[in-house]
Amino acid sequence: MLNDAPSKRPQDYGMLAQEHIAMLISNIGVRLLRGTTAYYRSAFDLSMTEWRLLIVLNSTQSLNVSELSGAADLDKAAVSRSLVLLEERKLISVEQTRTRGRAAIARLTAEGRKLSEKLLNISRERETRLFKSFSRADREHLKALLQQLSQALAGADWDH
C-alpha cells in the first residue's frame, strides 16, 4: 500500500543531514563551493583553484609550487596547471630558480596584486553577508569548532 501523505522532508537539507553532522557539513560545503565557484567564474573568469592561489600569493612575496600547494591546500599538479593560466593572464610571474632547488617561484604581478586585493575584499564582503545573522561570539565559536574538527580530521583514519 502506497503512502499518499506529502513528504515531510525539509527543503534545505536531505534526511541524512538531519541525522549525521558530517553529512550536514558536507552539504553546506558543497552549497558554499557551488555558489562561490559560480560567482568567481562569472565575475572574474577564475576557477576556485586560481582564486585560492591569488589569495595565498597576496599574503606573501613569492612561493615555489610545493610551498604554494601546501599553503593553498591544493594538489601540486592542479597548482602547476593554474599557474600557467594565471601567467598567461599576466596576473603572476613564474621564475625558474636554482637557489631553491629547481623550483618554479610564483609572484603576483602588479595587475595580479590589484586583482587579489579586490578578490580579498569581495570575499570578506560575501562572508559578512553570509554570517549577518550570527553574533560575533557565534562566528568565533563556529570558527573554533571548525578548526577543532579540521585538526581531528588530520589525525583520523577514515579509510577503515
C-alpha atoms as a PDB file:
ATOM      1  CA  MET A   1       0.000   0.000   0.000  1.00  0.00           C
ATOM      2  CA  LEU A   2       1.435   3.397  -1.022  1.00  0.00           C
ATOM      3  CA  ASN A   3       1.587   6.271   1.387  1.00  0.00           C
ATOM      4  CA  ASP A   4      -0.074   9.278  -0.258  1.00  0.00           C
ATOM      5  CA  ALA A   5       0.876  11.658   2.552  1.00  0.00           C
ATOM      6  CA  PRO A   6       3.065  14.567   1.485  1.00  0.00           C
ATOM      7  CA  SER A   7       6.750  14.188   2.171  1.00  0.00           C
ATOM      8  CA  LYS A   8       7.951  15.708   5.433  1.00  0.00           C
ATOM      9  CA  ARG A   9      11.453  16.081   4.054  1.00  0.00           C
ATOM     10  CA  PRO A  10      12.910  19.542   4.753  1.00  0.00           C
ATOM     11  CA  GLN A  11      13.565  21.783   1.787  1.00  0.00           C
ATOM     12  CA  ASP A  12      17.085  22.842   2.725  1.00  0.00           C
ATOM     13  CA  TYR A  13      18.652  19.570   3.851  1.00  0.00           C
ATOM     14  CA  GLY A  14      18.282  15.927   2.988  1.00  0.00           C
ATOM     15  CA  MET A  15      17.284  13.346   5.546  1.00  0.00           C
ATOM     16  CA  LEU A  16      20.878  12.209   6.078  1.00  0.00           C
ATOM     17  CA  ALA A  17      21.949  15.723   7.015  1.00  0.00           C
ATOM     18  CA  GLN A  18      19.443  15.744   9.865  1.00  0.00           C
ATOM     19  CA  GLU A  19      20.973  12.626  11.396  1.00  0.00           C
ATOM     20  CA  HIS A  20      24.676  12.904  10.533  1.00  0.00           C
ATOM     21  CA  ILE A  21      26.717  16.019  11.282  1.00  0.00           C
ATOM     22  CA  ALA A  22      29.382  15.031   8.722  1.00  0.00           C
ATOM     23  CA  MET A  23      26.699  14.964   6.021  1.00  0.00           C
ATOM     24  CA  LEU A  24      25.350  18.352   7.138  1.00  0.00           C
ATOM     25  CA  ILE A  25      28.837  19.857   6.966  1.00  0.00           C
ATOM     26  CA  SER A  26      29.433  18.227   3.588  1.00  0.00           C
ATOM     27  CA  ASN A  27      26.148  19.604   2.210  1.00  0.00           C
ATOM     28  CA  ILE A  28      26.955  23.077   3.470  1.00  0.00           C
ATOM     29  CA  GLY A  29      30.423  22.846   1.918  1.00  0.00           C
ATOM     30  CA  VAL A  30      29.014  21.779  -1.431  1.00  0.00           C
ATOM     31  CA  ARG A  31      26.496  24.620  -1.426  1.00  0.00           C
ATOM     32  CA  LEU A  32      29.145  27.177  -0.473  1.00  0.00           C
ATOM     33  CA  LEU A  33      31.568  25.880  -3.100  1.00  0.00           C
ATOM     34  CA  ARG A  34      28.924  25.791  -5.822  1.00  0.00           C
ATOM     35  CA  GLY A  35      27.847  29.386  -5.181  1.00  0.00           C
ATOM     36  CA  THR A  36      31.384  30.682  -4.778  1.00  0.00           C
ATOM     37  CA  THR A  37      32.623  28.889  -7.887  1.00  0.00           C
ATOM     38  CA  ALA A  38      29.781  30.261  -9.996  1.00  0.00           C
ATOM     39  CA  TYR A  39      30.324  33.804  -8.715  1.00  0.00           C
ATOM     40  CA  TYR A  40      34.092  33.995  -9.296  1.00  0.00           C
ATOM     41  CA  ARG A  41      33.817  32.234 -12.665  1.00  0.00           C
ATOM     42  CA  SER A  42      31.182  34.664 -13.955  1.00  0.00           C
ATOM     43  CA  ALA A  43      32.610  37.825 -12.375  1.00  0.00           C
ATOM     44  CA  PHE A  44      36.347  37.241 -12.926  1.00  0.00           C
ATOM     45  CA  ASP A  45      36.705  34.132 -15.116  1.00  0.00           C
ATOM     46  CA  LEU A  46      38.592  32.401 -12.303  1.00  0.00           C
ATOM     47  CA  SER A  47      38.384  28.846 -11.051  1.00  0.00           C
ATOM     48  CA  MET A  48      38.440  28.274  -7.312  1.00  0.00           C
ATOM     49  CA  THR A  49      41.992  26.928  -7.621  1.00  0.00           C
ATOM     50  CA  GLU A  50      43.108  30.136  -9.343  1.00  0.00           C
ATOM     51  CA  TRP A  51      41.238  32.227  -6.762  1.00  0.00           C
ATOM     52  CA  ARG A  52      42.925  30.377  -3.895  1.00  0.00           C
ATOM     53  CA  LEU A  53      46.376  30.820  -5.435  1.00  0.00           C
ATOM     54  CA  LEU A  54      45.871  34.564  -5.900  1.00  0.00           C
ATOM     55  CA  ILE A  55      44.662  34.941  -2.316  1.00  0.00           C
ATOM     56  CA  VAL A  56      47.626  32.966  -0.928  1.00  0.00           C
ATOM     57  CA  LEU A  57      50.151  34.867  -3.064  1.00  0.00           C
ATOM     58  CA  ASN A  58      48.612  38.123  -1.860  1.00  0.00           C
ATOM     59  CA  SER A  59      49.869  37.361   1.643  1.00  0.00           C
ATOM     60  CA  THR A  60      53.478  36.719   0.631  1.00  0.00           C
ATOM     61  CA  GLN A  61      56.200  37.885  -1.717  1.00  0.00           C
ATOM     62  CA  SER A  62      56.734  34.589  -3.519  1.00  0.00           C
ATOM     63  CA  LEU A  63      56.341  30.850  -3.119  1.00  0.00           C
ATOM     64  CA  ASN A  64      57.519  27.823  -5.019  1.00  0.00           C
ATOM     65  CA  VAL A  65      54.969  25.329  -6.338  1.00  0.00           C
ATOM     66  CA  SER A  66      55.376  22.993  -3.375  1.00  0.00           C
ATOM     67  CA  GLU A  67      55.003  25.803  -0.812  1.00  0.00           C
ATOM     68  CA  LEU A  68      52.053  27.256  -2.713  1.00  0.00           C
ATOM     69  CA  SER A  69      50.413  23.845  -2.914  1.00  0.00           C
ATOM     70  CA  GLY A  70      50.729  23.419   0.844  1.00  0.00           C
ATOM     71  CA  ALA A  71      49.603  26.945   1.699  1.00  0.00           C
ATOM     72  CA  ALA A  72      46.530  26.702  -0.555  1.00  0.00           C
ATOM     73  CA  ASP A  73      45.882  23.058   0.411  1.00  0.00           C
ATOM     74  CA  LEU A  74      45.859  22.011  -3.235  1.00  0.00           C
ATOM     75  CA  ASP A  75      47.385  19.251  -5.325  1.00  0.00           C
ATOM     76  CA  LYS A  76      50.743  20.229  -6.908  1.00  0.00           C
ATOM     77  CA  ALA A  77      49.548  19.268 -10.402  1.00  0.00           C
ATOM     78  CA  ALA A  78      46.465  21.495 -10.073  1.00  0.00           C
ATOM     79  CA  VAL A  79      48.672  24.329  -8.835  1.00  0.00           C
ATOM     80  CA  SER A  80      51.058  23.932 -11.776  1.00  0.00           C
ATOM     81  CA  ARG A  81      48.199  23.951 -14.318  1.00  0.00           C
ATOM     82  CA  SER A  82      46.614  27.016 -12.727  1.00  0.00           C
ATOM     83  CA  LEU A  83      49.911  28.883 -12.573  1.00  0.00           C
ATOM     84  CA  VAL A  84      50.224  28.513 -16.345  1.00  0.00           C
ATOM     85  CA  LEU A  85      46.767  30.038 -16.828  1.00  0.00           C
ATOM     86  CA  LEU A  86      47.430  32.858 -14.353  1.00  0.00           C
ATOM     87  CA  GLU A  87      50.756  33.613 -16.026  1.00  0.00           C
ATOM     88  CA  GLU A  88      49.055  33.753 -19.446  1.00  0.00           C
ATOM     89  CA  ARG A  89      46.675  36.351 -17.997  1.00  0.00           C
ATOM     90  CA  LYS A  90      49.687  38.279 -16.659  1.00  0.00           C
ATOM     91  CA  LEU A  91      48.428  38.001 -13.073  1.00  0.00           C
ATOM     92  CA  ILE A  92      51.552  36.199 -11.871  1.00  0.00           C
ATOM     93  CA  SER A  93      55.109  35.713 -12.991  1.00  0.00           C
ATOM     94  CA  VAL A  94      56.848  32.370 -12.687  1.00  0.00           C
ATOM     95  CA  GLU A  95      60.623  32.221 -12.475  1.00  0.00           C
ATOM     96  CA  GLN A  96      62.743  29.084 -12.578  1.00  0.00           C
ATOM     97  CA  THR A  97      65.473  29.174  -9.971  1.00  0.00           C
ATOM     98  CA  ARG A  98      68.328  27.004  -8.831  1.00  0.00           C
ATOM     99  CA  THR A  99      68.788  28.674  -5.462  1.00  0.00           C
ATOM    100  CA  ARG A 100      65.751  26.807  -4.130  1.00  0.00           C
ATOM    101  CA  GLY A 101      66.352  23.578  -5.990  1.00  0.00           C
ATOM    102  CA  ARG A 102      64.876  23.570  -9.474  1.00  0.00           C
ATOM    103  CA  ALA A 103      61.727  25.175  -8.174  1.00  0.00           C
ATOM    104  CA  ALA A 104      59.432  27.484 -10.063  1.00  0.00           C
ATOM    105  CA  ILE A 105      58.832  30.602  -7.962  1.00  0.00           C
ATOM    106  CA  ALA A 106      55.470  32.341  -8.375  1.00  0.00           C
ATOM    107  CA  ARG A 107      54.897  36.036  -7.676  1.00  0.00           C
ATOM    108  CA  LEU A 108      51.957  38.320  -8.241  1.00  0.00           C
ATOM    109  CA  THR A 109      52.373  40.958 -10.925  1.00  0.00           C
ATOM    110  CA  ALA A 110      51.111  44.486 -10.223  1.00  0.00           C
ATOM    111  CA  GLU A 111      47.888  43.572 -12.029  1.00  0.00           C
ATOM    112  CA  GLY A 112      47.661  40.320 -10.056  1.00  0.00           C
ATOM    113  CA  ARG A 113      48.175  42.147  -6.758  1.00  0.00           C
ATOM    114  CA  LYS A 114      45.437  44.622  -7.644  1.00  0.00           C
ATOM    115  CA  LEU A 115      43.032  41.806  -8.556  1.00  0.00           C
ATOM    116  CA  SER A 116      43.904  39.726  -5.491  1.00  0.00           C
ATOM    117  CA  GLU A 117      43.216  42.720  -3.215  1.00  0.00           C
ATOM    118  CA  LYS A 118      39.851  43.143  -4.901  1.00  0.00           C
ATOM    119  CA  LEU A 119      39.118  39.414  -4.525  1.00  0.00           C
ATOM    120  CA  LEU A 120      40.057  39.536  -0.858  1.00  0.00           C
ATOM    121  CA  ASN A 121      37.716  42.469  -0.219  1.00  0.00           C
ATOM    122  CA  ILE A 122      34.865  40.812  -2.117  1.00  0.00           C
ATOM    123  CA  SER A 123      35.444  37.577  -0.229  1.00  0.00           C
ATOM    124  CA  ARG A 124      35.214  39.411   3.095  1.00  0.00           C
ATOM    125  CA  GLU A 125      32.026  41.178   1.976  1.00  0.00           C
ATOM    126  CA  ARG A 126      30.438  37.885   0.897  1.00  0.00           C
ATOM    127  CA  GLU A 127      31.376  36.256   4.196  1.00  0.00           C
ATOM    128  CA  THR A 128      29.924  39.209   6.129  1.00  0.00           C
ATOM    129  CA  ARG A 129      26.633  38.817   4.243  1.00  0.00           C
ATOM    130  CA  LEU A 130      26.606  35.059   4.860  1.00  0.00           C
ATOM    131  CA  PHE A 131      27.065  35.493   8.610  1.00  0.00           C
ATOM    132  CA  LYS A 132      24.972  38.645   9.064  1.00  0.00           C
ATOM    133  CA  SER A 133      22.551  36.889  11.441  1.00  0.00           C
ATOM    134  CA  PHE A 134      25.378  35.451  13.590  1.00  0.00           C
ATOM    135  CA  SER A 135      26.697  37.266  16.619  1.00  0.00           C
ATOM    136  CA  ARG A 136      30.434  37.871  16.759  1.00  0.00           C
ATOM    137  CA  ALA A 137      30.686  35.298  19.563  1.00  0.00           C
ATOM    138  CA  ASP A 138      28.798  32.730  17.443  1.00  0.00           C
ATOM    139  CA  ARG A 139      31.093  33.337  14.456  1.00  0.00           C
ATOM    140  CA  GLU A 140      34.186  32.937  16.624  1.00  0.00           C
ATOM    141  CA  HIS A 141      32.760  29.820  18.277  1.00  0.00           C
ATOM    142  CA  LEU A 142      31.882  28.295  14.890  1.00  0.00           C
ATOM    143  CA  LYS A 143      35.372  29.020  13.595  1.00  0.00           C
ATOM    144  CA  ALA A 144      36.948  27.444  16.679  1.00  0.00           C
ATOM    145  CA  LEU A 145      34.755  24.349  16.337  1.00  0.00           C
ATOM    146  CA  LEU A 146      35.555  24.004  12.627  1.00  0.00           C
ATOM    147  CA  GLN A 147      39.279  24.351  13.338  1.00  0.00           C
ATOM    148  CA  GLN A 148      38.949  21.692  16.030  1.00  0.00           C
ATOM    149  CA  LEU A 149      37.138  19.431  13.545  1.00  0.00           C
ATOM    150  CA  SER A 150      39.826  20.057  10.951  1.00  0.00           C
ATOM    151  CA  GLN A 151      42.521  19.034  13.447  1.00  0.00           C
ATOM    152  CA  ALA A 152      40.551  15.913  14.350  1.00  0.00           C
ATOM    153  CA  LEU A 153      40.321  15.003  10.668  1.00  0.00           C
ATOM    154  CA  ALA A 154      44.087  15.362  10.275  1.00  0.00           C
ATOM    155  CA  GLY A 155      44.591  12.511  12.721  1.00  0.00           C
ATOM    156  CA  ALA A 156      41.550  10.445  11.786  1.00  0.00           C
ATOM    157  CA  ASP A 157      41.730   7.142   9.964  1.00  0.00           C
ATOM    158  CA  TRP A 158      38.777   7.400   7.565  1.00  0.00           C
ATOM    159  CA  ASP A 159      39.852   4.576   5.284  1.00  0.00           C
ATOM    160  CA  HIS A 160      38.861   1.874   7.744  1.00  0.00           C
END
